[in-house]
C-alpha atoms as a PDB file:
ATOM      1  CA  MET A   1     -52.463  26.681 -48.476  1.00  0.00           C
ATOM      2  CA  PHE A   2     -49.961  24.966 -47.098  1.00  0.00           C
ATOM      3  CA  GLY A   3     -46.032  25.769 -48.596  1.00  0.00           C
ATOM      4  CA  LYS A   4     -43.550  23.754 -49.814  1.00  0.00           C
ATOM      5  CA  LYS A   5     -40.916  23.637 -46.943  1.00  0.00           C
ATOM      6  CA  THR A   6     -37.504  23.455 -47.898  1.00  0.00           C
ATOM      7  CA  GLN A   7     -35.153  20.980 -47.143  1.00  0.00           C
ATOM      8  CA  LYS A   8     -32.070  22.042 -45.654  1.00  0.00           C
ATOM      9  CA  GLU A   9     -29.036  20.440 -47.344  1.00  0.00           C
ATOM     10  CA  VAL A  10     -25.593  19.897 -45.380  1.00  0.00           C
ATOM     11  CA  TYR A  11     -22.289  19.875 -47.085  1.00  0.00           C
ATOM     12  CA  ASP A  12     -18.475  19.371 -44.843  1.00  0.00           C
ATOM     13  CA  LYS A  13     -18.105  22.523 -43.544  1.00  0.00           C
ATOM     14  CA  GLU A  14     -14.267  21.668 -42.158  1.00  0.00           C
ATOM     15  CA  ASN A  15     -12.979  20.714 -45.715  1.00  0.00           C
ATOM     16  CA  LEU A  16     -15.524  23.131 -47.985  1.00  0.00           C
ATOM     17  CA  ARG A  17     -16.637  26.969 -48.136  1.00  0.00           C
ATOM     18  CA  PRO A  18     -19.233  28.481 -50.013  1.00  0.00           C
ATOM     19  CA  VAL A  19     -17.878  30.431 -53.089  1.00  0.00           C
ATOM     20  CA  ILE A  20     -19.443  32.271 -56.119  1.00  0.00           C
ATOM     21  CA  ARG A  21     -17.780  32.042 -59.504  1.00  0.00           C
ATOM     22  CA  ALA A  22     -18.005  35.108 -61.523  1.00  0.00           C
ATOM     23  CA  SER A  23     -17.397  35.435 -65.270  1.00  0.00           C
ATOM     24  CA  ILE A  24     -15.524  38.778 -66.175  1.00  0.00           C
ATOM     25  CA  CYS A  25     -16.132  38.463 -69.591  1.00  0.00           C
ATOM     26  CA  THR A  26     -19.924  37.664 -69.563  1.00  0.00           C
ATOM     27  CA  GLY A  27     -20.969  38.690 -65.957  1.00  0.00           C
ATOM     28  CA  GLU A  28     -22.007  34.328 -65.836  1.00  0.00           C
ATOM     29  CA  GLN A  29     -22.398  33.366 -62.226  1.00  0.00           C
ATOM     30  CA  VAL A  30     -22.077  29.928 -60.538  1.00  0.00           C
ATOM     31  CA  ALA A  31     -22.834  28.981 -57.333  1.00  0.00           C
ATOM     32  CA  GLY A  32     -21.226  26.055 -55.566  1.00  0.00           C
ATOM     33  CA  PHE A  33     -18.392  24.918 -53.099  1.00  0.00           C
ATOM     34  CA  LYS A  34     -14.474  25.180 -53.075  1.00  0.00           C
ATOM     35  CA  ASN A  35     -12.086  22.571 -51.010  1.00  0.00           C
ATOM     36  CA  ILE A  36      -9.795  24.282 -49.003  1.00  0.00           C
ATOM     37  CA  HIS A  37      -7.422  21.979 -49.403  1.00  0.00           C
ATOM     38  CA  THR A  38      -7.098  21.085 -52.871  1.00  0.00           C
ATOM     39  CA  GLY A  39      -8.907  24.216 -54.564  1.00  0.00           C
ATOM     40  CA  LYS A  40     -11.820  22.303 -56.081  1.00  0.00           C
ATOM     41  CA  PHE A  41     -14.390  23.817 -57.232  1.00  0.00           C
ATOM     42  CA  THR A  42     -17.969  21.939 -57.283  1.00  0.00           C
ATOM     43  CA  GLU A  43     -20.727  23.463 -59.143  1.00  0.00           C
ATOM     44  CA  ILE A  44     -24.082  23.369 -57.168  1.00  0.00           C
ATOM     45  CA  MET A  45     -26.268  25.912 -59.504  1.00  0.00           C
ATOM     46  CA  LEU A  46     -26.437  28.869 -62.047  1.00  0.00           C
ATOM     47  CA  ILE A  47     -27.099  32.190 -60.367  1.00  0.00           C
ATOM     48  CA  ARG A  48     -29.499  34.154 -62.763  1.00  0.00           C
ATOM     49  CA  ASN A  49     -30.187  36.490 -59.980  1.00  0.00           C
ATOM     50  CA  THR A  50     -30.731  37.646 -56.170  1.00  0.00           C
ATOM     51  CA  LYS A  51     -33.762  35.176 -55.804  1.00  0.00           C
ATOM     52  CA  ASP A  52     -31.804  32.267 -57.104  1.00  0.00           C
ATOM     53  CA  ARG A  53     -28.642  33.352 -54.616  1.00  0.00           C
ATOM     54  CA  MET A  54     -31.125  33.514 -51.726  1.00  0.00           C
ATOM     55  CA  GLU A  55     -32.414  29.989 -52.896  1.00  0.00           C
ATOM     56  CA  PHE A  56     -28.426  28.333 -52.590  1.00  0.00           C
ATOM     57  CA  MET A  57     -28.004  30.341 -49.239  1.00  0.00           C
ATOM     58  CA  GLN A  58     -31.388  29.325 -47.541  1.00  0.00           C
ATOM     59  CA  LYS A  59     -30.577  25.714 -48.960  1.00  0.00           C
ATOM     60  CA  TYR A  60     -27.142  25.114 -47.486  1.00  0.00           C
ATOM     61  CA  ASP A  61     -28.034  27.273 -44.558  1.00  0.00           C
ATOM     62  CA  ILE A  62     -25.011  29.883 -45.679  1.00  0.00           C
ATOM     63  CA  SER A  63     -24.891  33.574 -44.356  1.00  0.00           C
ATOM     64  CA  GLU A  64     -24.552  36.685 -46.621  1.00  0.00           C
ATOM     65  CA  GLU A  65     -20.552  36.960 -44.436  1.00  0.00           C
ATOM     66  CA  GLU A  66     -19.884  33.442 -44.755  1.00  0.00           C
ATOM     67  CA  ILE A  67     -19.864  32.747 -49.000  1.00  0.00           C
ATOM     68  CA  SER A  68     -17.208  34.338 -50.894  1.00  0.00           C
ATOM     69  CA  LYS A  69     -16.713  35.549 -54.550  1.00  0.00           C
ATOM     70  CA  GLU A  70     -14.450  34.586 -57.424  1.00  0.00           C
ATOM     71  CA  TRP A  71     -13.885  36.304 -60.457  1.00  0.00           C
END
């Protein structure tokens, strides 16, 4: 009857940018954040389908334009 509300997480928008890393060989995708100064990538969750991608974007309040994909 009462839906579970999604808690919005906060990330440092000044120093981090949302990224989806994809493997060329296996096609595995991982969502996370990349530090724009050091290039260090922090994994947050595995992306298996569109539902997982949308969940990541909703959880961190990210729009489609903000997220980039790296191979």
